[in-house]
Amino acid sequence: MPKHKTTMQIDDKLWKKFLGQVIKKHGTTKKQSAELEIAISEYLDRHKEEI
């Protein structure tokens, strides 16, 4: 599947908490894009009715 490269502005504390979870799970931040993609997918699954 093709990937879309984007830039976002996210609250610094929120981003650091997210990266902390990525590091806890993978031992590195190199999987942050994959985890963000999972988080977006899960969000969309939970909010199907609203779309």
PDB file of N, CA and C in Angstrom:
ATOM      1  N   MET A   1       0.836  -1.170   0.000  1.00  0.00           N
ATOM      2  CA  MET A   1       0.000   0.000   0.000  1.00  0.00           C
ATOM      3  C   MET A   1       0.889   1.244   0.000  1.00  0.00           C
ATOM      4  N   PRO A   2       0.579   2.246  -0.836  1.00  0.00           N
ATOM      5  CA  PRO A   2       1.383   3.472  -0.844  1.00  0.00           C
ATOM      6  C   PRO A   2       1.234   4.229   0.477  1.00  0.00           C
ATOM      7  N   LYS A   3       2.258   4.932   0.863  1.00  0.00           N
ATOM      8  CA  LYS A   3       2.243   5.701   2.109  1.00  0.00           C
ATOM      9  C   LYS A   3       2.129   7.181   1.788  1.00  0.00           C
ATOM     10  N   HIS A   4       1.486   7.920   2.679  1.00  0.00           N
ATOM     11  CA  HIS A   4       1.344   9.366   2.556  1.00  0.00           C
ATOM     12  C   HIS A   4       2.225  10.021   3.606  1.00  0.00           C
ATOM     13  N   LYS A   5       3.165  10.832   3.174  1.00  0.00           N
ATOM     14  CA  LYS A   5       4.033  11.533   4.108  1.00  0.00           C
ATOM     15  C   LYS A   5       3.356  12.847   4.481  1.00  0.00           C
ATOM     16  N   THR A   6       3.325  13.147   5.786  1.00  0.00           N
ATOM     17  CA  THR A   6       2.630  14.342   6.248  1.00  0.00           C
ATOM     18  C   THR A   6       3.380  14.983   7.410  1.00  0.00           C
ATOM     19  N   THR A   7       3.019  16.206   7.698  1.00  0.00           N
ATOM     20  CA  THR A   7       3.557  16.927   8.846  1.00  0.00           C
ATOM     21  C   THR A   7       2.381  17.298   9.736  1.00  0.00           C
ATOM     22  N   MET A   8       2.551  17.117  11.048  1.00  0.00           N
ATOM     23  CA  MET A   8       1.485  17.438  11.992  1.00  0.00           C
ATOM     24  C   MET A   8       2.059  18.238  13.145  1.00  0.00           C
ATOM     25  N   GLN A   9       1.212  19.024  13.765  1.00  0.00           N
ATOM     26  CA  GLN A   9       1.587  19.706  14.994  1.00  0.00           C
ATOM     27  C   GLN A   9       0.823  19.040  16.123  1.00  0.00           C
ATOM     28  N   ILE A  10       1.565  18.471  17.067  1.00  0.00           N
ATOM     29  CA  ILE A  10       0.988  17.720  18.179  1.00  0.00           C
ATOM     30  C   ILE A  10       1.555  18.285  19.475  1.00  0.00           C
ATOM     31  N   ASP A  11       0.703  18.368  20.485  1.00  0.00           N
ATOM     32  CA  ASP A  11       1.142  18.833  21.793  1.00  0.00           C
ATOM     33  C   ASP A  11       2.404  18.085  22.214  1.00  0.00           C
ATOM     34  N   ASP A  12       3.405  18.811  22.660  1.00  0.00           N
ATOM     35  CA  ASP A  12       4.710  18.232  22.993  1.00  0.00           C
ATOM     36  C   ASP A  12       4.613  17.156  24.074  1.00  0.00           C
ATOM     37  N   LYS A  13       3.835  17.392  25.121  1.00  0.00           N
ATOM     38  CA  LYS A  13       3.699  16.399  26.197  1.00  0.00           C
ATOM     39  C   LYS A  13       3.023  15.130  25.686  1.00  0.00           C
ATOM     40  N   LEU A  14       1.986  15.296  24.868  1.00  0.00           N
ATOM     41  CA  LEU A  14       1.281  14.146  24.299  1.00  0.00           C
ATOM     42  C   LEU A  14       2.221  13.326  23.423  1.00  0.00           C
ATOM     43  N   TRP A  15       3.013  13.997  22.579  1.00  0.00           N
ATOM     44  CA  TRP A  15       3.935  13.305  21.692  1.00  0.00           C
ATOM     45  C   TRP A  15       4.994  12.541  22.485  1.00  0.00           C
ATOM     46  N   LYS A  16       5.511  13.160  23.543  1.00  0.00           N
ATOM     47  CA  LYS A  16       6.523  12.491  24.361  1.00  0.00           C
ATOM     48  C   LYS A  16       5.944  11.260  25.059  1.00  0.00           C
ATOM     49  N   LYS A  17       4.685  11.345  25.504  1.00  0.00           N
ATOM     50  CA  LYS A  17       4.037  10.176  26.111  1.00  0.00           C
ATOM     51  C   LYS A  17       3.877   9.067  25.079  1.00  0.00           C
ATOM     52  N   PHE A  18       3.474   9.449  23.870  1.00  0.00           N
ATOM     53  CA  PHE A  18       3.324   8.472  22.782  1.00  0.00           C
ATOM     54  C   PHE A  18       4.664   7.813  22.474  1.00  0.00           C
ATOM     55  N   LEU A  19       5.706   8.615  22.322  1.00  0.00           N
ATOM     56  CA  LEU A  19       7.030   8.053  22.030  1.00  0.00           C
ATOM     57  C   LEU A  19       7.509   7.147  23.159  1.00  0.00           C
ATOM     58  N   GLY A  20       7.180   7.513  24.395  1.00  0.00           N
ATOM     59  CA  GLY A  20       7.542   6.664  25.534  1.00  0.00           C
ATOM     60  C   GLY A  20       6.911   5.287  25.413  1.00  0.00           C
ATOM     61  N   GLN A  21       5.659   5.235  24.978  1.00  0.00           N
ATOM     62  CA  GLN A  21       4.983   3.949  24.793  1.00  0.00           C
ATOM     63  C   GLN A  21       5.609   3.162  23.641  1.00  0.00           C
ATOM     64  N   VAL A  22       5.983   3.868  22.575  1.00  0.00           N
ATOM     65  CA  VAL A  22       6.632   3.194  21.438  1.00  0.00           C
ATOM     66  C   VAL A  22       7.961   2.599  21.882  1.00  0.00           C
ATOM     67  N   ILE A  23       8.733   3.358  22.643  1.00  0.00           N
ATOM     68  CA  ILE A  23      10.027   2.871  23.140  1.00  0.00           C
ATOM     69  C   ILE A  23       9.820   1.680  24.076  1.00  0.00           C
ATOM     70  N   LYS A  24       8.809   1.762  24.933  1.00  0.00           N
ATOM     71  CA  LYS A  24       8.525   0.667  25.859  1.00  0.00           C
ATOM     72  C   LYS A  24       8.209  -0.616  25.087  1.00  0.00           C
ATOM     73  N   LYS A  25       7.461  -0.494  24.008  1.00  0.00           N
ATOM     74  CA  LYS A  25       7.036  -1.657  23.230  1.00  0.00           C
ATOM     75  C   LYS A  25       8.135  -2.188  22.312  1.00  0.00           C
ATOM     76  N   HIS A  26       8.885  -1.279  21.660  1.00  0.00           N
ATOM     77  CA  HIS A  26       9.839  -1.692  20.628  1.00  0.00           C
ATOM     78  C   HIS A  26      11.310  -1.481  20.993  1.00  0.00           C
ATOM     79  N   GLY A  27      11.552  -0.727  22.063  1.00  0.00           N
ATOM     80  CA  GLY A  27      12.934  -0.450  22.455  1.00  0.00           C
ATOM     81  C   GLY A  27      13.583   0.641  21.618  1.00  0.00           C
ATOM     82  N   THR A  28      12.822   1.292  20.743  1.00  0.00           N
ATOM     83  CA  THR A  28      13.326   2.350  19.872  1.00  0.00           C
ATOM     84  C   THR A  28      12.146   3.179  19.380  1.00  0.00           C
ATOM     85  N   THR A  29      12.440   4.362  18.847  1.00  0.00           N
ATOM     86  CA  THR A  29      11.371   5.191  18.281  1.00  0.00           C
ATOM     87  C   THR A  29      11.189   4.926  16.787  1.00  0.00           C
ATOM     88  N   LYS A  30      11.957   4.014  16.247  1.00  0.00           N
ATOM     89  CA  LYS A  30      11.916   3.776  14.801  1.00  0.00           C
ATOM     90  C   LYS A  30      10.591   3.193  14.319  1.00  0.00           C
ATOM     91  N   LYS A  31       9.755   2.728  15.219  1.00  0.00           N
ATOM     92  CA  LYS A  31       8.451   2.166  14.839  1.00  0.00           C
ATOM     93  C   LYS A  31       7.315   3.155  15.092  1.00  0.00           C
ATOM     94  N   GLN A  32       7.654   4.442  15.289  1.00  0.00           N
ATOM     95  CA  GLN A  32       6.631   5.418  15.623  1.00  0.00           C
ATOM     96  C   GLN A  32       5.591   5.580  14.517  1.00  0.00           C
ATOM     97  N   SER A  33       6.000   5.522  13.253  1.00  0.00           N
ATOM     98  CA  SER A  33       5.039   5.649  12.156  1.00  0.00           C
ATOM     99  C   SER A  33       4.066   4.475  12.136  1.00  0.00           C
ATOM    100  N   ALA A  34       4.577   3.283  12.344  1.00  0.00           N
ATOM    101  CA  ALA A  34       3.720   2.096  12.355  1.00  0.00           C
ATOM    102  C   ALA A  34       2.724   2.170  13.510  1.00  0.00           C
ATOM    103  N   GLU A  35       3.176   2.599  14.685  1.00  0.00           N
ATOM    104  CA  GLU A  35       2.286   2.700  15.845  1.00  0.00           C
ATOM    105  C   GLU A  35       1.261   3.817  15.657  1.00  0.00           C
ATOM    106  N   LEU A  36       1.648   4.900  15.034  1.00  0.00           N
ATOM    107  CA  LEU A  36       0.704   5.981  14.768  1.00  0.00           C
ATOM    108  C   LEU A  36      -0.357   5.521  13.769  1.00  0.00           C
ATOM    109  N   GLU A  37       0.057   4.760  12.773  1.00  0.00           N
ATOM    110  CA  GLU A  37      -0.886   4.206  11.803  1.00  0.00           C
ATOM    111  C   GLU A  37      -1.887   3.268  12.495  1.00  0.00           C
ATOM    112  N   ILE A  38      -1.409   2.453  13.422  1.00  0.00           N
ATOM    113  CA  ILE A  38      -2.288   1.564  14.193  1.00  0.00           C
ATOM    114  C   ILE A  38      -3.268   2.388  15.026  1.00  0.00           C
ATOM    115  N   ALA A  39      -2.769   3.442  15.676  1.00  0.00           N
ATOM    116  CA  ALA A  39      -3.618   4.281  16.523  1.00  0.00           C
ATOM    117  C   ALA A  39      -4.714   4.957  15.694  1.00  0.00           C
ATOM    118  N   ILE A  40      -4.376   5.452  14.522  1.00  0.00           N
ATOM    119  CA  ILE A  40      -5.371   6.089  13.652  1.00  0.00           C
ATOM    120  C   ILE A  40      -6.400   5.065  13.190  1.00  0.00           C
ATOM    121  N   SER A  41      -5.950   3.891  12.815  1.00  0.00           N
ATOM    122  CA  SER A  41      -6.853   2.830  12.370  1.00  0.00           C
ATOM    123  C   SER A  41      -7.817   2.431  13.483  1.00  0.00           C
ATOM    124  N   GLU A  42      -7.300   2.274  14.713  1.00  0.00           N
ATOM    125  CA  GLU A  42      -8.151   1.915  15.855  1.00  0.00           C
ATOM    126  C   GLU A  42      -9.151   3.027  16.152  1.00  0.00           C
ATOM    127  N   TYR A  43      -8.724   4.272  16.049  1.00  0.00           N
ATOM    128  CA  TYR A  43      -9.620   5.402  16.261  1.00  0.00           C
ATOM    129  C   TYR A  43     -10.767   5.367  15.255  1.00  0.00           C
ATOM    130  N   LEU A  44     -10.437   5.153  13.985  1.00  0.00           N
ATOM    131  CA  LEU A  44     -11.462   5.101  12.948  1.00  0.00           C
ATOM    132  C   LEU A  44     -12.416   3.930  13.152  1.00  0.00           C
ATOM    133  N   ASP A  45     -11.902   2.795  13.601  1.00  0.00           N
ATOM    134  CA  ASP A  45     -12.757   1.639  13.890  1.00  0.00           C
ATOM    135  C   ASP A  45     -13.755   1.961  15.004  1.00  0.00           C
ATOM    136  N   ARG A  46     -13.300   2.680  16.029  1.00  0.00           N
ATOM    137  CA  ARG A  46     -14.166   3.023  17.155  1.00  0.00           C
ATOM    138  C   ARG A  46     -15.201   4.081  16.800  1.00  0.00           C
ATOM    139  N   HIS A  47     -14.935   4.865  15.766  1.00  0.00           N
ATOM    140  CA  HIS A  47     -15.827   5.974  15.417  1.00  0.00           C
ATOM    141  C   HIS A  47     -16.492   5.790  14.057  1.00  0.00           C
ATOM    142  N   LYS A  48     -16.697   4.555  13.649  1.00  0.00           N
ATOM    143  CA  LYS A  48     -17.316   4.266  12.351  1.00  0.00           C
ATOM    144  C   LYS A  48     -18.677   4.932  12.194  1.00  0.00           C
ATOM    145  N   GLU A  49     -19.486   4.894  13.249  1.00  0.00           N
ATOM    146  CA  GLU A  49     -20.844   5.392  13.178  1.00  0.00           C
ATOM    147  C   GLU A  49     -20.881   6.895  12.873  1.00  0.00           C
ATOM    148  N   GLU A  50     -19.835   7.608  13.287  1.00  0.00           N
ATOM    149  CA  GLU A  50     -19.819   9.062  13.116  1.00  0.00           C
ATOM    150  C   GLU A  50     -19.414   9.496  11.717  1.00  0.00           C
ATOM    151  N   ILE A  51     -18.829   8.586  10.954  1.00  0.00           N
ATOM    152  CA  ILE A  51     -18.322   8.940   9.621  1.00  0.00           C
ATOM    153  C   ILE A  51     -19.419   8.798   8.587  1.00  0.00           C
TER     154      ILE A  51
END
